[in-house]
Amino acid sequence: MKLLQLLASCILSASCLVTTSHANSQPYLILSAVKLEYLPIAKQMTDTKEGVVAHIHYLEGNLHHAPVIAAYTGVGNLNAALVTGLFIHRFHPKGVIYAGSAGGLRSDLNAGDVIVSTSQFSLDNIFYVLGKTQFSTGEPVLFPDNQVTHKQEPLEYPSSQYYIHLLKKSHQNKQRVFYAPIVTANTMIDPSVTVKKLLVKNGVLAIAMEDVGVAHVCWMYGVPMISIRGISNNVWLRTPFTEETAVIASNAAAQVVSNLLEQLY
């Protein structure tokens, strides 16, 4: 409850706005869901020191000379959104990168392949996002204006085109990297065959549990973000998620994160 109250006060406070006065010291915020996904990032950082924000531990340091704050949020949209909001308020980051593992949605995706998000949307909104219509009326779906930002809330949150551009320019052939939407589910579920076919047909390659929560908060603050997910298991083929494949996936994602930071700084 204290975290919720603090986040709400942050969003409503003018002091939360990211301003150019922090431009010289703004770090990049790199978040993951769990420690296993966070460690490959932390191991690459230099000149590190530890800190705590609202009971959430983080590591501050450099990655390719870029100032970085790294932490893990806990699993799920709510945890990811809360920690993202708190850390944006505290550190005023230049951008947010969410890195970790995900389930692959196409049969040819293997452990260690990497999906870079072009956008994020919720599985709950799949038919609206991919169909763009209300079933009952056939009219386009429009959410009410956000009461904090007074802007129209999107059904699908775009990733930073600049980050995508840099990654495509720095792509290393030894890694299989795909650029596609990532869908977020609120639970660890295996979507129905109908839903999986719809996702694959529309080029969605990965399913995870935190991306929309992070993207929504970044949208509210006007902070650029991107998700970088290594494939740990294949949802289409129903291959199992294991700690071994999660480590492979997280290491692969961390390498792409490193490539991005090298280009950014």
Protein backbone atom coordinates (compact mmCIF):
# COMPACT_ATOMS: atom_id res chain seq x y z
CA MET A 1 0.00 0.00 0.00
CA LYS A 2 2.86 2.40 0.79
CA LEU A 3 4.33 1.74 -2.68
CA LEU A 4 0.99 2.49 -4.32
CA GLN A 5 0.58 5.72 -2.35
CA LEU A 6 4.12 6.82 -3.17
CA LEU A 7 3.70 6.10 -6.87
CA ALA A 8 0.39 7.96 -7.01
CA SER A 9 1.90 11.01 -5.33
CA CYS A 10 4.84 10.87 -7.73
CA ILE A 11 2.67 10.83 -10.84
CA LEU A 12 0.51 13.68 -9.60
CA SER A 13 3.48 15.79 -8.52
CA ALA A 14 5.06 18.27 -10.92
CA SER A 15 8.44 17.25 -9.55
CA CYS A 16 8.08 13.92 -11.34
CA LEU A 17 8.40 15.48 -14.78
CA VAL A 18 11.64 14.62 -16.56
CA THR A 19 13.41 17.88 -17.27
CA THR A 20 16.51 18.86 -19.20
CA SER A 21 18.20 19.99 -15.99
CA HIS A 22 19.13 16.36 -15.39
CA ALA A 23 20.51 15.89 -18.91
CA ASN A 24 24.17 15.58 -17.91
CA SER A 25 23.61 12.99 -15.18
CA GLN A 26 20.59 11.04 -16.39
CA PRO A 27 21.23 7.29 -16.33
CA TYR A 28 19.60 4.60 -18.42
CA LEU A 29 17.25 2.41 -16.38
CA ILE A 30 17.55 -1.32 -17.07
CA LEU A 31 14.91 -3.47 -15.42
CA SER A 32 14.18 -7.20 -15.34
CA ALA A 33 11.52 -9.28 -13.66
CA VAL A 34 13.71 -11.58 -11.56
CA LYS A 35 17.27 -11.84 -10.29
CA LEU A 36 18.22 -14.52 -12.82
CA GLU A 37 17.43 -12.07 -15.64
CA TYR A 38 19.09 -9.13 -13.87
CA LEU A 39 22.44 -10.81 -13.15
CA PRO A 40 23.79 -10.86 -16.76
CA ILE A 41 23.29 -7.07 -16.83
CA ALA A 42 24.82 -6.52 -13.40
CA LYS A 43 27.90 -8.59 -14.28
CA GLN A 44 28.69 -6.27 -17.20
CA MET A 45 28.54 -3.11 -15.10
CA THR A 46 31.62 -1.36 -13.71
CA ASP A 47 32.21 1.13 -10.90
CA THR A 48 29.14 -0.20 -9.15
CA LYS A 49 27.50 0.70 -5.89
CA GLU A 50 24.30 -0.58 -4.34
CA GLY A 51 21.29 1.40 -3.21
CA VAL A 52 17.66 1.06 -2.15
CA VAL A 53 14.50 2.88 -3.25
CA ALA A 54 11.33 2.07 -1.28
CA HIS A 55 12.77 -1.34 -0.27
CA ILE A 56 13.74 -2.12 -3.88
CA HIS A 57 17.46 -2.84 -4.21
CA TYR A 58 19.31 -1.53 -7.25
CA LEU A 59 22.81 -1.39 -8.69
CA GLU A 60 24.27 1.87 -9.96
CA GLY A 61 27.29 1.95 -12.24
CA ASN A 62 28.42 2.14 -15.84
CA LEU A 63 27.90 -0.02 -18.90
CA HIS A 64 30.11 0.95 -21.86
CA HIS A 65 30.75 4.19 -19.94
CA ALA A 66 27.02 4.96 -19.94
CA PRO A 67 25.54 5.65 -16.48
CA VAL A 68 23.13 2.84 -15.64
CA ILE A 69 20.67 1.90 -12.89
CA ALA A 70 19.77 -1.81 -12.88
CA ALA A 71 17.17 -3.59 -10.75
CA TYR A 72 14.61 -6.36 -10.83
CA THR A 73 10.95 -5.59 -10.30
CA GLY A 74 9.29 -8.87 -9.44
CA VAL A 75 7.04 -10.80 -11.80
CA GLY A 76 3.94 -9.29 -13.41
CA ASN A 77 2.58 -6.02 -14.72
CA LEU A 78 1.76 -4.46 -11.35
CA ASN A 79 5.22 -5.02 -9.86
CA ALA A 80 6.93 -3.85 -13.05
CA ALA A 81 4.80 -0.70 -13.31
CA LEU A 82 5.28 0.24 -9.64
CA VAL A 83 9.06 -0.10 -9.72
CA THR A 84 9.34 1.65 -13.08
CA GLY A 85 7.35 4.63 -11.77
CA LEU A 86 9.34 4.85 -8.54
CA PHE A 87 12.67 4.67 -10.34
CA ILE A 88 11.70 7.19 -13.01
CA HIS A 89 10.71 9.58 -10.22
CA ARG A 90 13.96 9.00 -8.34
CA PHE A 91 16.50 8.90 -11.20
CA HIS A 92 14.93 10.77 -14.18
CA PRO A 93 16.38 8.26 -16.66
CA LYS A 94 17.10 9.04 -20.31
CA GLY A 95 15.36 5.83 -21.25
CA VAL A 96 14.09 2.50 -19.93
CA ILE A 97 15.11 -0.95 -21.15
CA TYR A 98 13.24 -4.00 -19.94
CA ALA A 99 15.35 -7.13 -20.41
CA GLY A 100 14.80 -10.79 -19.68
CA SER A 101 13.24 -13.98 -21.01
CA ALA A 102 10.00 -14.68 -22.84
CA GLY A 103 8.06 -17.44 -24.55
CA GLY A 104 8.41 -17.69 -28.32
CA LEU A 105 5.26 -17.67 -30.43
CA ARG A 106 6.64 -19.03 -33.70
CA SER A 107 7.70 -22.62 -34.24
CA ASP A 108 11.21 -21.77 -35.51
CA LEU A 109 12.22 -19.71 -32.45
CA ASN A 110 14.86 -21.34 -30.26
CA ALA A 111 16.32 -20.70 -26.81
CA GLY A 112 18.71 -17.77 -27.08
CA ASP A 113 16.99 -16.04 -30.00
CA VAL A 114 16.21 -12.43 -29.11
CA ILE A 115 13.04 -10.43 -29.71
CA VAL A 116 13.38 -6.64 -29.68
CA SER A 117 9.97 -5.06 -29.17
CA THR A 118 8.58 -2.75 -31.81
CA SER A 119 5.53 -2.31 -29.57
CA GLN A 120 3.81 -3.73 -26.50
CA PHE A 121 0.15 -4.60 -25.95
CA SER A 122 -1.94 -6.65 -23.55
CA LEU A 123 -3.31 -10.07 -24.40
CA ASP A 124 -6.59 -8.80 -22.90
CA ASN A 125 -6.82 -6.34 -25.80
CA ILE A 126 -5.69 -8.70 -28.57
CA PHE A 127 -8.85 -8.50 -30.65
CA TYR A 128 -9.03 -4.72 -30.30
CA VAL A 129 -5.35 -4.20 -31.16
CA LEU A 130 -5.23 -6.63 -34.06
CA GLY A 131 -8.81 -6.02 -35.21
CA LYS A 132 -9.10 -2.36 -34.22
CA THR A 133 -12.88 -2.66 -33.81
CA GLN A 134 -15.54 -3.20 -31.18
CA PHE A 135 -17.37 -6.45 -31.90
CA SER A 136 -20.79 -4.99 -31.14
CA THR A 137 -20.66 -1.84 -33.28
CA GLY A 138 -17.73 -2.25 -35.64
CA GLU A 139 -16.52 1.18 -34.50
CA PRO A 140 -12.85 1.88 -33.67
CA VAL A 141 -11.93 1.35 -30.03
CA LEU A 142 -11.04 4.52 -28.13
CA PHE A 143 -10.05 4.52 -24.47
CA PRO A 144 -11.00 7.59 -22.39
CA ASP A 145 -8.34 10.27 -21.98
CA ASN A 146 -5.91 9.49 -19.19
CA GLN A 147 -6.93 11.56 -16.16
CA VAL A 148 -3.31 12.40 -15.26
CA THR A 149 -1.79 13.18 -18.67
CA HIS A 150 -5.08 14.24 -20.33
CA LYS A 151 -3.95 12.34 -23.42
CA GLN A 152 -5.62 9.51 -25.30
CA GLU A 153 -4.39 6.19 -23.93
CA PRO A 154 -3.09 3.87 -26.63
CA LEU A 155 -4.12 0.26 -27.04
CA GLU A 156 -0.59 -0.50 -28.20
CA TYR A 157 2.51 1.22 -26.82
CA PRO A 158 5.27 1.86 -29.37
CA SER A 159 8.93 1.26 -28.56
CA SER A 160 11.61 3.87 -29.17
CA GLN A 161 12.27 4.02 -32.91
CA TYR A 162 15.68 5.53 -32.18
CA TYR A 163 16.70 2.54 -30.06
CA ILE A 164 15.49 0.16 -32.78
CA HIS A 165 17.49 2.09 -35.38
CA LEU A 166 20.67 1.86 -33.29
CA LEU A 167 20.23 -1.86 -32.68
CA LYS A 168 19.66 -2.65 -36.33
CA LYS A 169 22.79 -0.68 -37.18
CA SER A 170 24.86 -2.57 -34.59
CA HIS A 171 23.39 -6.04 -35.21
CA GLN A 172 25.87 -8.88 -34.69
CA ASN A 173 25.43 -11.82 -37.04
CA LYS A 174 26.27 -14.37 -34.35
CA GLN A 175 22.93 -13.62 -32.68
CA ARG A 176 19.48 -14.18 -34.14
CA VAL A 177 17.60 -10.95 -33.39
CA PHE A 178 14.02 -10.28 -34.50
CA TYR A 179 12.07 -7.03 -34.34
CA ALA A 180 8.39 -7.56 -33.56
CA PRO A 181 5.56 -6.72 -31.16
CA ILE A 182 5.61 -8.41 -27.75
CA VAL A 183 2.29 -9.34 -26.12
CA THR A 184 1.85 -9.21 -22.35
CA ALA A 185 -0.21 -11.75 -20.41
CA ASN A 186 -1.17 -11.22 -16.78
CA THR A 187 -0.59 -14.87 -15.92
CA MET A 188 1.70 -17.64 -17.11
CA ILE A 189 -0.77 -19.16 -19.52
CA ASP A 190 -0.65 -21.03 -22.79
CA PRO A 191 -2.96 -19.12 -25.15
CA SER A 192 -5.50 -21.06 -27.16
CA VAL A 193 -4.55 -22.24 -30.64
CA THR A 194 -6.88 -19.62 -32.12
CA VAL A 195 -5.19 -16.82 -30.21
CA LYS A 196 -1.70 -18.08 -31.01
CA LYS A 197 -2.54 -18.26 -34.72
CA LEU A 198 -3.86 -14.69 -34.61
CA LEU A 199 -0.71 -13.47 -32.87
CA VAL A 200 1.65 -15.23 -35.28
CA LYS A 201 -0.38 -14.09 -38.30
CA ASN A 202 0.12 -10.50 -37.15
CA GLY A 203 3.84 -10.89 -36.56
CA VAL A 204 3.81 -11.06 -32.75
CA LEU A 205 6.78 -13.22 -31.78
CA ALA A 206 6.95 -13.29 -27.98
CA ILE A 207 4.75 -13.38 -24.89
CA ALA A 208 5.87 -12.09 -21.49
CA MET A 209 4.32 -10.73 -18.28
CA GLU A 210 5.64 -7.21 -17.64
CA ASP A 211 6.14 -5.21 -20.83
CA VAL A 212 2.81 -3.36 -21.00
CA GLY A 213 3.06 -2.25 -17.36
CA VAL A 214 6.49 -0.75 -18.01
CA ALA A 215 5.43 0.75 -21.35
CA HIS A 216 2.35 2.36 -19.81
CA VAL A 217 4.34 4.12 -17.08
CA CYS A 218 6.98 5.25 -19.59
CA TRP A 219 4.20 6.60 -21.81
CA MET A 220 2.79 8.59 -18.88
CA TYR A 221 6.19 10.12 -18.09
CA GLY A 222 7.24 10.59 -21.72
CA VAL A 223 10.32 8.38 -21.29
CA PRO A 224 11.49 6.30 -24.29
CA MET A 225 11.48 2.56 -23.68
CA ILE A 226 12.14 -0.76 -25.33
CA SER A 227 11.84 -4.41 -24.32
CA ILE A 228 14.58 -6.88 -25.18
CA ARG A 229 13.63 -10.50 -24.57
CA GLY A 230 15.58 -13.69 -25.05
CA ILE A 231 13.51 -16.75 -25.92
CA SER A 232 13.49 -19.30 -23.09
CA ASN A 233 10.75 -21.62 -24.29
CA ASN A 234 8.54 -22.08 -27.33
CA VAL A 235 4.87 -21.56 -26.54
CA TRP A 236 3.77 -22.79 -29.97
CA LEU A 237 5.66 -26.08 -29.62
CA ARG A 238 4.98 -26.23 -25.87
CA THR A 239 8.64 -26.73 -25.03
CA PRO A 240 9.16 -26.32 -21.26
CA PHE A 241 10.52 -23.28 -19.47
CA THR A 242 13.55 -24.31 -17.39
CA GLU A 243 16.16 -22.44 -15.39
CA GLU A 244 18.79 -23.52 -17.92
CA THR A 245 16.89 -22.05 -20.88
CA ALA A 246 16.05 -18.93 -18.85
CA VAL A 247 19.77 -18.35 -18.26
CA ILE A 248 20.47 -18.80 -21.98
CA ALA A 249 17.69 -16.36 -22.83
CA SER A 250 18.76 -13.77 -20.25
CA ASN A 251 22.40 -13.87 -21.36
CA ALA A 252 21.32 -13.40 -24.97
CA ALA A 253 19.09 -10.44 -24.07
CA ALA A 254 21.87 -8.89 -21.98
CA GLN A 255 24.21 -9.01 -24.96
CA VAL A 256 21.74 -7.04 -27.08
CA VAL A 257 21.26 -4.57 -24.21
CA SER A 258 25.05 -4.15 -24.14
CA ASN A 259 25.07 -3.50 -27.89
CA LEU A 260 22.43 -0.82 -27.46
CA LEU A 261 24.24 0.95 -24.60
CA GLU A 262 27.44 0.92 -26.62
CA GLN A 263 25.61 2.81 -29.38
CA LEU A 264 23.80 5.18 -27.03
CA TYR A 265 26.85 6.51 -25.22
